[in-house]
Each structure stands twice: as C-alpha cells, then as structure tokens.
C-alpha cells in the first residue's frame, strides 16, 4: 500500500512538472470573464464622495459638449469614425465607468466563437438590467500587436460591430445606444507583452455623465 501511494505521488509530481513545462515562463492561466452582476457593478455611475451645492459653468459646458459629441456618434458606421473621434471616445472613457472583456472570436475573423457564447450572454443580461437600461454604451475593440496596423484596425472595428449586432439582435438593445469604435493594436493593455491575449479585448464604457 505504501509503495502504491509513493508511486502515485511521484506520478502526480511528474504530471505537474509536465504541465509547468508546457506553459511558457511567466504565462498565467487565463482568467474567466466577469459575471453579469460584476459587469453591472463596474458600469454603474459612481456617486461622488462629496456633494457640491452647485455645478460650475465650466463643468456644465463640458457636460454639454460631451453629450453633443456622443449624439453625433449614434448610428454611425464604426469604420466612418476618424482617428480624432476615436481618440476623443477614449478620452471620455477615462472618466467613465468601464470594464474590459476578452471575447473569443474565430481566428482572423469577426465571427464570435462558440466558446464566447456564455460571456456574450452575461454582457447582454448586464446591459439590459433595469439599473443600466437606457444608458448609452461605447463598445471599443482592440487587438494584439500581431499583424499590420491597417488590418488590425479593420478587424477590431468588425469585431466591435459583431458584439453590437449580437446585443441588438438577441437582447433587443437600441442600436443608437451602442457606439462602436475600433482601435486595432493601439492602446495596448499590456504594452510589455504586445502579443498577450489580454490585449485582444472589447472595452465596454458607460458614456453617461456621472
């Protein structure tokens, strides 16, 4: 019995070593995407720490300018956006509730992979939750650094379109409440590892003012 247990322990240790050797150094196992509740929590507007009795004219003007800009993006084809408009969306996103999701697509394709079905449904349930219903969201597509700049820009745009199409067709979301933009291999999430899977993502941003 003791010999059998020792042999089994040795087998497990060798198996663990084999798995470790298969994974490149420094590579962690992929983490699962957030649940619908985690997406909701991330996208809810955050309450200010202190309440101001009045809003300054400068803040009012900035809010009006942002709302006007967002309205110009409604129902716009993704690939019609200029680089300036894409960068402005990214700048607005910096101060808005947002979350990244790694949506798996077919290789070199904008077709959503079957393995991404659950993640897409979690996203759909979150964005149609009563606490977020009626909000305008930006869906920004990003790729890793593999491939040419023009190709990746087009691919990321088509993937953002695919996510929007899924949400409008399956969850009946209003198309004008989903703004799409493609960024290709710009704005890498992990610049130290440009080929990292975490760079292949879709960022969801709540474009409403706080």
C-alpha atoms as a PDB file:
ATOM      1  CA  UNK A   1       0.000   0.000   0.000  1.00  0.00           C
ATOM      2  CA  UNK A   2       2.791   2.374   0.941  1.00  0.00           C
ATOM      3  CA  UNK A   3       4.621   1.588  -2.305  1.00  0.00           C
ATOM      4  CA  UNK A   4       1.471   2.236  -4.359  1.00  0.00           C
ATOM      5  CA  UNK A   5       0.935   5.580  -2.611  1.00  0.00           C
ATOM      6  CA  UNK A   6       4.549   6.601  -3.228  1.00  0.00           C
ATOM      7  CA  UNK A   7       4.274   5.666  -6.904  1.00  0.00           C
ATOM      8  CA  UNK A   8       1.021   7.639  -7.245  1.00  0.00           C
ATOM      9  CA  UNK A   9       2.575  10.693  -5.579  1.00  0.00           C
ATOM     10  CA  UNK A  10       5.556  10.517  -7.934  1.00  0.00           C
ATOM     11  CA  UNK A  11       3.215  10.289 -10.932  1.00  0.00           C
ATOM     12  CA  UNK A  12       1.300  13.390  -9.811  1.00  0.00           C
ATOM     13  CA  UNK A  13       4.524  15.335  -9.294  1.00  0.00           C
ATOM     14  CA  UNK A  14       5.777  14.410 -12.757  1.00  0.00           C
ATOM     15  CA  UNK A  15       2.432  15.370 -14.291  1.00  0.00           C
ATOM     16  CA  UNK A  16       2.537  18.781 -12.577  1.00  0.00           C
ATOM     17  CA  UNK A  17       6.066  19.293 -13.868  1.00  0.00           C
ATOM     18  CA  UNK A  18       4.955  18.389 -17.379  1.00  0.00           C
ATOM     19  CA  UNK A  19       2.168  20.999 -17.241  1.00  0.00           C
ATOM     20  CA  UNK A  20       4.611  23.604 -15.967  1.00  0.00           C
ATOM     21  CA  UNK A  21       6.966  22.863 -18.841  1.00  0.00           C
ATOM     22  CA  UNK A  22       4.211  23.223 -21.431  1.00  0.00           C
ATOM     23  CA  UNK A  23       3.355  26.750 -20.223  1.00  0.00           C
ATOM     24  CA  UNK A  24       5.923  29.420 -21.215  1.00  0.00           C
ATOM     25  CA  UNK A  25       7.693  31.140 -18.354  1.00  0.00           C
ATOM     26  CA  UNK A  26       5.654  33.987 -16.885  1.00  0.00           C
ATOM     27  CA  UNK A  27       2.404  32.923 -18.545  1.00  0.00           C
ATOM     28  CA  UNK A  28      -0.575  32.596 -16.217  1.00  0.00           C
ATOM     29  CA  UNK A  29      -3.674  30.559 -16.852  1.00  0.00           C
ATOM     30  CA  UNK A  30      -6.438  32.637 -18.437  1.00  0.00           C
ATOM     31  CA  UNK A  31      -8.942  34.086 -16.005  1.00  0.00           C
ATOM     32  CA  UNK A  32     -12.651  33.885 -16.651  1.00  0.00           C
ATOM     33  CA  UNK A  33     -14.616  36.924 -17.746  1.00  0.00           C
ATOM     34  CA  UNK A  34     -16.810  38.774 -15.219  1.00  0.00           C
ATOM     35  CA  UNK A  35     -20.352  37.728 -14.423  1.00  0.00           C
ATOM     36  CA  UNK A  36     -23.347  39.872 -15.360  1.00  0.00           C
ATOM     37  CA  UNK A  37     -23.500  41.253 -11.812  1.00  0.00           C
ATOM     38  CA  UNK A  38     -19.811  42.152 -11.866  1.00  0.00           C
ATOM     39  CA  UNK A  39     -20.336  43.938 -15.191  1.00  0.00           C
ATOM     40  CA  UNK A  40     -23.295  45.835 -13.733  1.00  0.00           C
ATOM     41  CA  UNK A  41     -21.289  46.862 -10.677  1.00  0.00           C
ATOM     42  CA  UNK A  42     -18.395  48.068 -12.851  1.00  0.00           C
ATOM     43  CA  UNK A  43     -20.621  50.099 -15.183  1.00  0.00           C
ATOM     44  CA  UNK A  44     -22.859  51.782 -12.628  1.00  0.00           C
ATOM     45  CA  UNK A  45     -22.078  55.502 -12.279  1.00  0.00           C
ATOM     46  CA  UNK A  46     -20.079  56.113  -9.129  1.00  0.00           C
ATOM     47  CA  UNK A  47     -21.547  58.502  -6.580  1.00  0.00           C
ATOM     48  CA  UNK A  48     -19.279  61.466  -5.765  1.00  0.00           C
ATOM     49  CA  UNK A  49     -17.532  61.421  -2.411  1.00  0.00           C
ATOM     50  CA  UNK A  50     -18.881  64.877  -1.650  1.00  0.00           C
ATOM     51  CA  UNK A  51     -21.964  66.638  -2.952  1.00  0.00           C
ATOM     52  CA  UNK A  52     -21.476  70.042  -4.486  1.00  0.00           C
ATOM     53  CA  UNK A  53     -24.261  72.573  -3.977  1.00  0.00           C
ATOM     54  CA  UNK A  54     -23.794  73.923  -7.480  1.00  0.00           C
ATOM     55  CA  UNK A  55     -22.251  72.939 -10.783  1.00  0.00           C
ATOM     56  CA  UNK A  56     -19.736  75.389 -12.194  1.00  0.00           C
ATOM     57  CA  UNK A  57     -20.374  76.917 -15.648  1.00  0.00           C
ATOM     58  CA  UNK A  58     -17.191  75.205 -16.882  1.00  0.00           C
ATOM     59  CA  UNK A  59     -18.484  71.783 -15.789  1.00  0.00           C
ATOM     60  CA  UNK A  60     -21.865  72.468 -17.355  1.00  0.00           C
ATOM     61  CA  UNK A  61     -20.226  73.475 -20.640  1.00  0.00           C
ATOM     62  CA  UNK A  62     -18.012  70.366 -20.627  1.00  0.00           C
ATOM     63  CA  UNK A  63     -21.001  68.111 -19.947  1.00  0.00           C
ATOM     64  CA  UNK A  64     -22.994  69.715 -22.766  1.00  0.00           C
ATOM     65  CA  UNK A  65     -20.056  69.352 -25.152  1.00  0.00           C
ATOM     66  CA  UNK A  66     -19.644  65.662 -24.307  1.00  0.00           C
ATOM     67  CA  UNK A  67     -23.372  64.974 -24.737  1.00  0.00           C
ATOM     68  CA  UNK A  68     -23.326  66.730 -28.090  1.00  0.00           C
ATOM     69  CA  UNK A  69     -20.303  64.684 -29.181  1.00  0.00           C
ATOM     70  CA  UNK A  70     -21.907  61.386 -28.099  1.00  0.00           C
ATOM     71  CA  UNK A  71     -25.063  62.289 -30.028  1.00  0.00           C
ATOM     72  CA  UNK A  72     -23.039  62.761 -33.228  1.00  0.00           C
ATOM     73  CA  UNK A  73     -21.813  59.155 -32.891  1.00  0.00           C
ATOM     74  CA  UNK A  74     -25.214  57.489 -32.740  1.00  0.00           C
ATOM     75  CA  UNK A  75     -25.940  55.139 -35.663  1.00  0.00           C
ATOM     76  CA  UNK A  76     -22.551  55.939 -37.203  1.00  0.00           C
ATOM     77  CA  UNK A  77     -20.812  53.072 -39.052  1.00  0.00           C
ATOM     78  CA  UNK A  78     -17.782  52.034 -36.990  1.00  0.00           C
ATOM     79  CA  UNK A  79     -15.300  52.496 -39.800  1.00  0.00           C
ATOM     80  CA  UNK A  80     -16.606  56.001 -40.540  1.00  0.00           C
ATOM     81  CA  UNK A  81     -15.082  57.371 -37.339  1.00  0.00           C
ATOM     82  CA  UNK A  82     -11.954  59.481 -37.754  1.00  0.00           C
ATOM     83  CA  UNK A  83      -8.898  58.875 -35.591  1.00  0.00           C
ATOM     84  CA  UNK A  84      -9.653  62.145 -33.770  1.00  0.00           C
ATOM     85  CA  UNK A  85     -13.156  60.916 -32.940  1.00  0.00           C
ATOM     86  CA  UNK A  86     -11.811  57.564 -31.732  1.00  0.00           C
ATOM     87  CA  UNK A  87      -9.283  59.270 -29.505  1.00  0.00           C
ATOM     88  CA  UNK A  88     -11.980  61.546 -28.120  1.00  0.00           C
ATOM     89  CA  UNK A  89     -14.089  58.480 -27.238  1.00  0.00           C
ATOM     90  CA  UNK A  90     -11.048  57.015 -25.468  1.00  0.00           C
ATOM     91  CA  UNK A  91     -10.511  60.269 -23.572  1.00  0.00           C
ATOM     92  CA  UNK A  92     -14.157  60.395 -22.462  1.00  0.00           C
ATOM     93  CA  UNK A  93     -13.905  56.748 -21.385  1.00  0.00           C
ATOM     94  CA  UNK A  94     -11.083  57.572 -18.983  1.00  0.00           C
ATOM     95  CA  UNK A  95     -13.531  59.312 -16.647  1.00  0.00           C
ATOM     96  CA  UNK A  96     -16.451  56.920 -17.145  1.00  0.00           C
ATOM     97  CA  UNK A  97     -17.314  53.532 -15.594  1.00  0.00           C
ATOM     98  CA  UNK A  98     -15.844  50.828 -17.850  1.00  0.00           C
ATOM     99  CA  UNK A  99     -14.812  47.197 -17.985  1.00  0.00           C
ATOM    100  CA  UNK A 100     -12.693  45.023 -20.292  1.00  0.00           C
ATOM    101  CA  UNK A 101     -13.804  41.615 -21.574  1.00  0.00           C
ATOM    102  CA  UNK A 102     -11.841  39.091 -23.593  1.00  0.00           C
ATOM    103  CA  UNK A 103     -14.383  38.000 -26.205  1.00  0.00           C
ATOM    104  CA  UNK A 104     -13.132  34.990 -28.173  1.00  0.00           C
ATOM    105  CA  UNK A 105     -13.542  35.298 -31.937  1.00  0.00           C
ATOM    106  CA  UNK A 106     -12.767  32.804 -34.661  1.00  0.00           C
ATOM    107  CA  UNK A 107      -9.143  33.053 -35.844  1.00  0.00           C
ATOM    108  CA  UNK A 108      -8.567  36.158 -38.005  1.00  0.00           C
ATOM    109  CA  UNK A 109     -12.333  36.652 -38.105  1.00  0.00           C
ATOM    110  CA  UNK A 110     -15.068  38.854 -36.685  1.00  0.00           C
ATOM    111  CA  UNK A 111     -17.261  35.801 -36.025  1.00  0.00           C
ATOM    112  CA  UNK A 112     -17.891  35.390 -32.300  1.00  0.00           C
ATOM    113  CA  UNK A 113     -16.594  31.995 -31.208  1.00  0.00           C
ATOM    114  CA  UNK A 114     -18.945  29.400 -29.730  1.00  0.00           C
ATOM    115  CA  UNK A 115     -16.866  29.391 -26.559  1.00  0.00           C
ATOM    116  CA  UNK A 116     -17.708  33.093 -26.098  1.00  0.00           C
ATOM    117  CA  UNK A 117     -21.468  32.478 -26.018  1.00  0.00           C
ATOM    118  CA  UNK A 118     -21.709  32.487 -22.226  1.00  0.00           C
ATOM    119  CA  UNK A 119     -19.623  35.668 -21.936  1.00  0.00           C
ATOM    120  CA  UNK A 120     -21.779  37.433 -24.523  1.00  0.00           C
ATOM    121  CA  UNK A 121     -24.942  36.418 -22.687  1.00  0.00           C
ATOM    122  CA  UNK A 122     -23.535  37.690 -19.390  1.00  0.00           C
ATOM    123  CA  UNK A 123     -22.836  41.001 -21.140  1.00  0.00           C
ATOM    124  CA  UNK A 124     -26.311  41.103 -22.677  1.00  0.00           C
ATOM    125  CA  UNK A 125     -28.004  40.429 -19.338  1.00  0.00           C
ATOM    126  CA  UNK A 126     -25.917  43.144 -17.698  1.00  0.00           C
ATOM    127  CA  UNK A 127     -26.527  45.886 -20.262  1.00  0.00           C
ATOM    128  CA  UNK A 128     -30.280  45.243 -20.252  1.00  0.00           C
ATOM    129  CA  UNK A 129     -30.538  45.166 -16.466  1.00  0.00           C
ATOM    130  CA  UNK A 130     -33.047  47.761 -15.131  1.00  0.00           C
ATOM    131  CA  UNK A 131     -30.235  49.604 -13.344  1.00  0.00           C
ATOM    132  CA  UNK A 132     -28.458  50.252 -16.682  1.00  0.00           C
ATOM    133  CA  UNK A 133     -31.339  50.185 -19.163  1.00  0.00           C
ATOM    134  CA  UNK A 134     -31.488  53.219 -21.427  1.00  0.00           C
ATOM    135  CA  UNK A 135     -27.807  54.050 -20.971  1.00  0.00           C
ATOM    136  CA  UNK A 136     -25.551  54.675 -23.958  1.00  0.00           C
ATOM    137  CA  UNK A 137     -22.500  52.415 -24.098  1.00  0.00           C
ATOM    138  CA  UNK A 138     -19.336  52.522 -26.161  1.00  0.00           C
ATOM    139  CA  UNK A 139     -18.031  49.168 -27.409  1.00  0.00           C
ATOM    140  CA  UNK A 140     -14.346  49.557 -28.261  1.00  0.00           C
ATOM    141  CA  UNK A 141     -12.486  46.742 -29.994  1.00  0.00           C
ATOM    142  CA  UNK A 142      -8.748  46.118 -29.571  1.00  0.00           C
ATOM    143  CA  UNK A 143      -6.314  43.577 -30.996  1.00  0.00           C
ATOM    144  CA  UNK A 144      -2.840  42.455 -30.004  1.00  0.00           C
ATOM    145  CA  UNK A 145       0.230  43.671 -31.902  1.00  0.00           C
ATOM    146  CA  UNK A 146       0.409  40.729 -34.325  1.00  0.00           C
ATOM    147  CA  UNK A 147      -0.307  41.811 -37.903  1.00  0.00           C
ATOM    148  CA  UNK A 148      -0.353  45.076 -39.802  1.00  0.00           C
ATOM    149  CA  UNK A 149      -1.806  48.297 -38.445  1.00  0.00           C
ATOM    150  CA  UNK A 150      -4.470  48.748 -41.133  1.00  0.00           C
ATOM    151  CA  UNK A 151      -5.563  45.105 -40.958  1.00  0.00           C
ATOM    152  CA  UNK A 152      -5.874  45.162 -37.174  1.00  0.00           C
ATOM    153  CA  UNK A 153      -7.788  48.437 -37.237  1.00  0.00           C
ATOM    154  CA  UNK A 154     -10.319  46.933 -39.640  1.00  0.00           C
ATOM    155  CA  UNK A 155     -10.521  43.659 -37.691  1.00  0.00           C
ATOM    156  CA  UNK A 156     -11.119  45.418 -34.371  1.00  0.00           C
ATOM    157  CA  UNK A 157     -13.864  47.537 -35.967  1.00  0.00           C
ATOM    158  CA  UNK A 158     -15.610  44.485 -37.388  1.00  0.00           C
ATOM    159  CA  UNK A 159     -15.391  42.703 -34.033  1.00  0.00           C
ATOM    160  CA  UNK A 160     -16.928  45.675 -32.237  1.00  0.00           C
ATOM    161  CA  UNK A 161     -19.701  45.609 -34.855  1.00  0.00           C
ATOM    162  CA  UNK A 162     -20.226  41.890 -34.201  1.00  0.00           C
ATOM    163  CA  UNK A 163     -20.703  42.484 -30.473  1.00  0.00           C
ATOM    164  CA  UNK A 164     -23.193  45.280 -31.197  1.00  0.00           C
ATOM    165  CA  UNK A 165     -25.099  43.088 -33.658  1.00  0.00           C
ATOM    166  CA  UNK A 166     -25.343  40.285 -31.083  1.00  0.00           C
ATOM    167  CA  UNK A 167     -26.705  42.659 -28.439  1.00  0.00           C
ATOM    168  CA  UNK A 168     -29.256  44.265 -30.747  1.00  0.00           C
ATOM    169  CA  UNK A 169     -30.473  41.003 -32.273  1.00  0.00           C
ATOM    170  CA  UNK A 170     -30.605  38.778 -29.178  1.00  0.00           C
ATOM    171  CA  UNK A 171     -31.241  41.344 -26.431  1.00  0.00           C
ATOM    172  CA  UNK A 172     -33.176  43.943 -28.438  1.00  0.00           C
ATOM    173  CA  UNK A 173     -30.895  46.773 -27.407  1.00  0.00           C
ATOM    174  CA  UNK A 174     -31.476  50.040 -29.239  1.00  0.00           C
ATOM    175  CA  UNK A 175     -28.745  50.448 -31.909  1.00  0.00           C
ATOM    176  CA  UNK A 176     -28.402  54.150 -31.151  1.00  0.00           C
ATOM    177  CA  UNK A 177     -27.481  53.293 -27.541  1.00  0.00           C
ATOM    178  CA  UNK A 178     -24.417  51.329 -28.686  1.00  0.00           C
ATOM    179  CA  UNK A 179     -21.470  53.271 -30.103  1.00  0.00           C
ATOM    180  CA  UNK A 180     -18.727  51.169 -31.692  1.00  0.00           C
ATOM    181  CA  UNK A 181     -15.089  52.025 -32.333  1.00  0.00           C
ATOM    182  CA  UNK A 182     -12.056  50.025 -33.441  1.00  0.00           C
ATOM    183  CA  UNK A 183      -8.567  50.771 -32.167  1.00  0.00           C
ATOM    184  CA  UNK A 184      -6.517  47.925 -33.650  1.00  0.00           C
ATOM    185  CA  UNK A 185      -3.233  47.485 -31.851  1.00  0.00           C
ATOM    186  CA  UNK A 186      -3.175  50.983 -30.388  1.00  0.00           C
ATOM    187  CA  UNK A 187      -3.738  51.408 -26.629  1.00  0.00           C
ATOM    188  CA  UNK A 188      -2.284  48.018 -25.723  1.00  0.00           C
ATOM    189  CA  UNK A 189      -3.450  46.926 -22.286  1.00  0.00           C
ATOM    190  CA  UNK A 190      -0.184  45.049 -21.739  1.00  0.00           C
ATOM    191  CA  UNK A 191       2.484  47.037 -23.573  1.00  0.00           C
ATOM    192  CA  UNK A 192       5.219  44.880 -22.039  1.00  0.00           C
ATOM    193  CA  UNK A 193       3.817  41.863 -23.888  1.00  0.00           C
ATOM    194  CA  UNK A 194       2.257  43.171 -27.125  1.00  0.00           C
ATOM    195  CA  UNK A 195       1.172  39.660 -28.190  1.00  0.00           C
ATOM    196  CA  UNK A 196      -0.558  38.919 -24.885  1.00  0.00           C
ATOM    197  CA  UNK A 197      -4.179  37.651 -25.148  1.00  0.00           C
ATOM    198  CA  UNK A 198      -5.309  40.374 -22.722  1.00  0.00           C
ATOM    199  CA  UNK A 199      -4.667  42.911 -25.486  1.00  0.00           C
ATOM    200  CA  UNK A 200      -7.385  41.202 -27.579  1.00  0.00           C
ATOM    201  CA  UNK A 201     -10.381  42.667 -25.822  1.00  0.00           C
ATOM    202  CA  UNK A 202     -13.572  44.632 -26.026  1.00  0.00           C
ATOM    203  CA  UNK A 203     -13.952  47.543 -23.629  1.00  0.00           C
ATOM    204  CA  UNK A 204     -17.471  48.492 -22.549  1.00  0.00           C
ATOM    205  CA  UNK A 205     -17.893  52.083 -21.366  1.00  0.00           C
ATOM    206  CA  UNK A 206     -20.894  53.769 -19.754  1.00  0.00           C
ATOM    207  CA  UNK A 207     -20.917  57.068 -21.651  1.00  0.00           C
ATOM    208  CA  UNK A 208     -23.383  58.773 -19.299  1.00  0.00           C
ATOM    209  CA  UNK A 209     -22.077  61.621 -17.211  1.00  0.00           C
ATOM    210  CA  UNK A 210     -21.549  60.823 -13.530  1.00  0.00           C
END
